[in-house]
Amino acid sequence: MKIKHTPFILSLTLVTLISGCATAPEKPTESAEPAPFVSDYPTRDRVDYVLNCVAQHGGLTYISQYACGCKIDKIAEKLSFADYEAAKTFSYLSKGQTGDAAAAMRDPTQSKDLRKRLKDAEQVAEKNCFVK
């Protein structure tokens, strides 16, 4: 009688073990990847920056296009779009003007700070993105 039931008991034990493994919940794997960089820069402004940058660096080539795209990404890491836009506005409005006409855009502390931050971000981006 033992011999007749032994294969049945073995197969029942095997089925129980297999089904027990299949129903055990898997542990979620923790991702070691950092959170993706999220930027508030509109696509239109990024494209405009890249096209102006490409024009300043000798025309459209794969290398200049890639480097200029890299450059705006590096700037976006350093400045929010609101700060970038304000710094560009202060720069444009005070460029080429002297005396009292440009003083309203050139002399305020906010203007000086934002223009310096933009200049520093552009220098870091230029250094990191353009291979010379």
C-alpha atoms as a PDB file:
ATOM      1  CA  MET A   1       0.000   0.000   0.000  1.00  0.00           C
ATOM      2  CA  LYS A   2       2.874   2.367   0.638  1.00  0.00           C
ATOM      3  CA  ILE A   3       4.209   1.900  -2.860  1.00  0.00           C
ATOM      4  CA  LYS A   4       0.897   2.779  -4.497  1.00  0.00           C
ATOM      5  CA  HIS A   5       0.540   6.133  -2.715  1.00  0.00           C
ATOM      6  CA  THR A   6       4.178   7.247  -2.820  1.00  0.00           C
ATOM      7  CA  PRO A   7       4.090   8.656  -6.409  1.00  0.00           C
ATOM      8  CA  PHE A   8       0.816  10.416  -5.633  1.00  0.00           C
ATOM      9  CA  ILE A   9       2.233  12.006  -2.464  1.00  0.00           C
ATOM     10  CA  LEU A  10       5.430  13.026  -4.271  1.00  0.00           C
ATOM     11  CA  SER A  11       3.533  14.641  -7.121  1.00  0.00           C
ATOM     12  CA  LEU A  12       1.166  16.392  -4.697  1.00  0.00           C
ATOM     13  CA  THR A  13       4.159  17.741  -2.749  1.00  0.00           C
ATOM     14  CA  LEU A  14       5.823  18.938  -5.953  1.00  0.00           C
ATOM     15  CA  VAL A  15       2.652  20.700  -7.139  1.00  0.00           C
ATOM     16  CA  THR A  16       2.252  22.361  -3.738  1.00  0.00           C
ATOM     17  CA  LEU A  17       5.838  23.625  -3.778  1.00  0.00           C
ATOM     18  CA  ILE A  18       5.573  24.945  -7.312  1.00  0.00           C
ATOM     19  CA  SER A  19       2.246  26.687  -6.741  1.00  0.00           C
ATOM     20  CA  GLY A  20       3.536  28.127  -3.472  1.00  0.00           C
ATOM     21  CA  CYS A  21       6.485  29.714  -5.287  1.00  0.00           C
ATOM     22  CA  ALA A  22       4.278  31.103  -8.020  1.00  0.00           C
ATOM     23  CA  THR A  23       1.952  32.902  -5.615  1.00  0.00           C
ATOM     24  CA  ALA A  24       4.657  34.529  -3.538  1.00  0.00           C
ATOM     25  CA  PRO A  25       4.642  38.266  -4.216  1.00  0.00           C
ATOM     26  CA  GLU A  26       7.705  39.680  -5.867  1.00  0.00           C
ATOM     27  CA  LYS A  27       9.649  42.348  -4.064  1.00  0.00           C
ATOM     28  CA  PRO A  28       9.706  45.619  -5.973  1.00  0.00           C
ATOM     29  CA  THR A  29      13.155  46.441  -7.238  1.00  0.00           C
ATOM     30  CA  GLU A  30      14.530  49.794  -6.240  1.00  0.00           C
ATOM     31  CA  SER A  31      15.755  51.881  -9.110  1.00  0.00           C
ATOM     32  CA  ALA A  32      19.269  53.224  -8.779  1.00  0.00           C
ATOM     33  CA  GLU A  33      18.651  55.730 -11.562  1.00  0.00           C
ATOM     34  CA  PRO A  34      18.309  59.376 -10.561  1.00  0.00           C
ATOM     35  CA  ALA A  35      15.082  61.192 -11.254  1.00  0.00           C
ATOM     36  CA  PRO A  36      15.018  62.635 -14.775  1.00  0.00           C
ATOM     37  CA  PHE A  37      15.839  66.309 -15.184  1.00  0.00           C
ATOM     38  CA  VAL A  38      12.668  68.314 -15.691  1.00  0.00           C
ATOM     39  CA  SER A  39      12.940  71.719 -17.289  1.00  0.00           C
ATOM     40  CA  ASP A  40      10.398  74.479 -17.572  1.00  0.00           C
ATOM     41  CA  TYR A  41      11.972  75.881 -20.766  1.00  0.00           C
ATOM     42  CA  PRO A  42       9.486  75.930 -23.661  1.00  0.00           C
ATOM     43  CA  THR A  43      10.561  74.047 -26.785  1.00  0.00           C
ATOM     44  CA  ARG A  44      10.265  77.185 -28.899  1.00  0.00           C
ATOM     45  CA  ASP A  45      12.792  79.011 -26.703  1.00  0.00           C
ATOM     46  CA  ARG A  46      15.175  76.048 -26.708  1.00  0.00           C
ATOM     47  CA  VAL A  47      15.055  75.858 -30.514  1.00  0.00           C
ATOM     48  CA  ASP A  48      15.562  79.616 -30.802  1.00  0.00           C
ATOM     49  CA  TYR A  49      18.609  79.408 -28.528  1.00  0.00           C
ATOM     50  CA  VAL A  50      20.080  76.474 -30.464  1.00  0.00           C
ATOM     51  CA  LEU A  51      19.611  78.202 -33.834  1.00  0.00           C
ATOM     52  CA  ASN A  52      21.259  81.416 -32.591  1.00  0.00           C
ATOM     53  CA  CYS A  53      24.086  79.424 -31.009  1.00  0.00           C
ATOM     54  CA  VAL A  54      24.658  77.419 -34.218  1.00  0.00           C
ATOM     55  CA  ALA A  55      24.852  80.653 -36.211  1.00  0.00           C
ATOM     56  CA  GLN A  56      27.478  82.001 -33.778  1.00  0.00           C
ATOM     57  CA  HIS A  57      29.553  78.803 -34.014  1.00  0.00           C
ATOM     58  CA  GLY A  58      30.051  78.544 -37.746  1.00  0.00           C
ATOM     59  CA  GLY A  59      26.775  77.259 -39.111  1.00  0.00           C
ATOM     60  CA  LEU A  60      24.715  74.121 -38.953  1.00  0.00           C
ATOM     61  CA  THR A  61      26.743  70.974 -38.500  1.00  0.00           C
ATOM     62  CA  TYR A  62      25.990  67.925 -36.429  1.00  0.00           C
ATOM     63  CA  ILE A  63      28.671  68.926 -33.935  1.00  0.00           C
ATOM     64  CA  SER A  64      27.492  72.519 -33.513  1.00  0.00           C
ATOM     65  CA  GLN A  65      23.854  71.441 -33.287  1.00  0.00           C
ATOM     66  CA  TYR A  66      24.638  68.850 -30.612  1.00  0.00           C
ATOM     67  CA  ALA A  67      26.912  71.209 -28.683  1.00  0.00           C
ATOM     68  CA  CYS A  68      24.359  74.036 -28.741  1.00  0.00           C
ATOM     69  CA  GLY A  69      21.623  71.672 -27.553  1.00  0.00           C
ATOM     70  CA  CYS A  70      23.928  70.580 -24.760  1.00  0.00           C
ATOM     71  CA  LYS A  71      24.619  74.210 -23.913  1.00  0.00           C
ATOM     72  CA  ILE A  72      20.960  75.167 -23.405  1.00  0.00           C
ATOM     73  CA  ASP A  73      20.484  72.015 -21.295  1.00  0.00           C
ATOM     74  CA  LYS A  74      23.376  73.062 -19.039  1.00  0.00           C
ATOM     75  CA  ILE A  75      21.972  76.581 -18.745  1.00  0.00           C
ATOM     76  CA  ALA A  76      18.555  75.130 -17.877  1.00  0.00           C
ATOM     77  CA  GLU A  77      20.172  73.185 -15.032  1.00  0.00           C
ATOM     78  CA  LYS A  78      21.516  76.422 -13.546  1.00  0.00           C
ATOM     79  CA  LEU A  79      18.648  78.878 -14.146  1.00  0.00           C
ATOM     80  CA  SER A  80      14.886  78.571 -14.122  1.00  0.00           C
ATOM     81  CA  PHE A  81      13.201  79.773 -17.287  1.00  0.00           C
ATOM     82  CA  ALA A  82      11.828  82.856 -15.492  1.00  0.00           C
ATOM     83  CA  ASP A  83      15.345  83.859 -14.387  1.00  0.00           C
ATOM     84  CA  TYR A  84      16.775  83.102 -17.838  1.00  0.00           C
ATOM     85  CA  GLU A  85      14.093  85.175 -19.539  1.00  0.00           C
ATOM     86  CA  ALA A  86      14.568  88.087 -17.123  1.00  0.00           C
ATOM     87  CA  ALA A  87      18.354  87.996 -17.556  1.00  0.00           C
ATOM     88  CA  LYS A  88      18.036  87.979 -21.365  1.00  0.00           C
ATOM     89  CA  THR A  89      15.566  90.882 -21.194  1.00  0.00           C
ATOM     90  CA  PHE A  90      17.881  92.929 -18.980  1.00  0.00           C
ATOM     91  CA  SER A  91      20.786  92.138 -21.331  1.00  0.00           C
ATOM     92  CA  TYR A  92      18.882  93.095 -24.500  1.00  0.00           C
ATOM     93  CA  LEU A  93      17.460  96.313 -23.086  1.00  0.00           C
ATOM     94  CA  SER A  94      20.768  97.588 -21.728  1.00  0.00           C
ATOM     95  CA  LYS A  95      22.915  96.486 -24.678  1.00  0.00           C
ATOM     96  CA  GLY A  96      24.387  99.310 -26.729  1.00  0.00           C
ATOM     97  CA  GLN A  97      22.929 102.054 -24.572  1.00  0.00           C
ATOM     98  CA  THR A  98      24.899 104.293 -22.276  1.00  0.00           C
ATOM     99  CA  GLY A  99      24.109 106.846 -19.627  1.00  0.00           C
ATOM    100  CA  ASP A 100      20.691 107.378 -18.142  1.00  0.00           C
ATOM    101  CA  ALA A 101      18.851 105.583 -20.952  1.00  0.00           C
ATOM    102  CA  ALA A 102      20.264 102.187 -19.978  1.00  0.00           C
ATOM    103  CA  ALA A 103      20.584 102.835 -16.246  1.00  0.00           C
ATOM    104  CA  ALA A 104      17.068 101.565 -15.499  1.00  0.00           C
ATOM    105  CA  MET A 105      17.959  98.149 -16.929  1.00  0.00           C
ATOM    106  CA  ARG A 106      21.668  98.027 -16.186  1.00  0.00           C
ATOM    107  CA  ASP A 107      22.042  99.322 -12.629  1.00  0.00           C
ATOM    108  CA  PRO A 108      19.444  97.545 -10.410  1.00  0.00           C
ATOM    109  CA  THR A 109      20.828  94.787  -8.196  1.00  0.00           C
ATOM    110  CA  GLN A 110      18.389  92.244  -9.658  1.00  0.00           C
ATOM    111  CA  SER A 111      19.616  93.042 -13.170  1.00  0.00           C
ATOM    112  CA  LYS A 112      23.278  92.729 -12.232  1.00  0.00           C
ATOM    113  CA  ASP A 113      22.690  89.472 -10.351  1.00  0.00           C
ATOM    114  CA  LEU A 114      20.658  87.832 -13.124  1.00  0.00           C
ATOM    115  CA  ARG A 115      23.032  88.899 -15.900  1.00  0.00           C
ATOM    116  CA  LYS A 116      26.005  87.585 -13.893  1.00  0.00           C
ATOM    117  CA  ARG A 117      24.253  84.259 -13.229  1.00  0.00           C
ATOM    118  CA  LEU A 118      23.412  83.904 -16.926  1.00  0.00           C
ATOM    119  CA  LYS A 119      26.965  84.751 -17.961  1.00  0.00           C
ATOM    120  CA  ASP A 120      28.382  82.219 -15.469  1.00  0.00           C
ATOM    121  CA  ALA A 121      25.935  79.534 -16.645  1.00  0.00           C
ATOM    122  CA  GLU A 122      26.846  80.201 -20.290  1.00  0.00           C
ATOM    123  CA  GLN A 123      30.559  79.959 -19.503  1.00  0.00           C
ATOM    124  CA  VAL A 124      30.116  76.644 -17.687  1.00  0.00           C
ATOM    125  CA  ALA A 125      27.953  75.349 -20.548  1.00  0.00           C
ATOM    126  CA  GLU A 126      30.456  76.484 -23.176  1.00  0.00           C
ATOM    127  CA  LYS A 127      33.264  74.759 -21.296  1.00  0.00           C
ATOM    128  CA  ASN A 128      31.331  71.496 -20.845  1.00  0.00           C
ATOM    129  CA  CYS A 129      29.686  71.223 -24.255  1.00  0.00           C
ATOM    130  CA  PHE A 130      32.184  72.431 -26.847  1.00  0.00           C
ATOM    131  CA  VAL A 131      35.186  70.217 -27.456  1.00  0.00           C
ATOM    132  CA  LYS A 132      38.156  72.276 -28.533  1.00  0.00           C
END
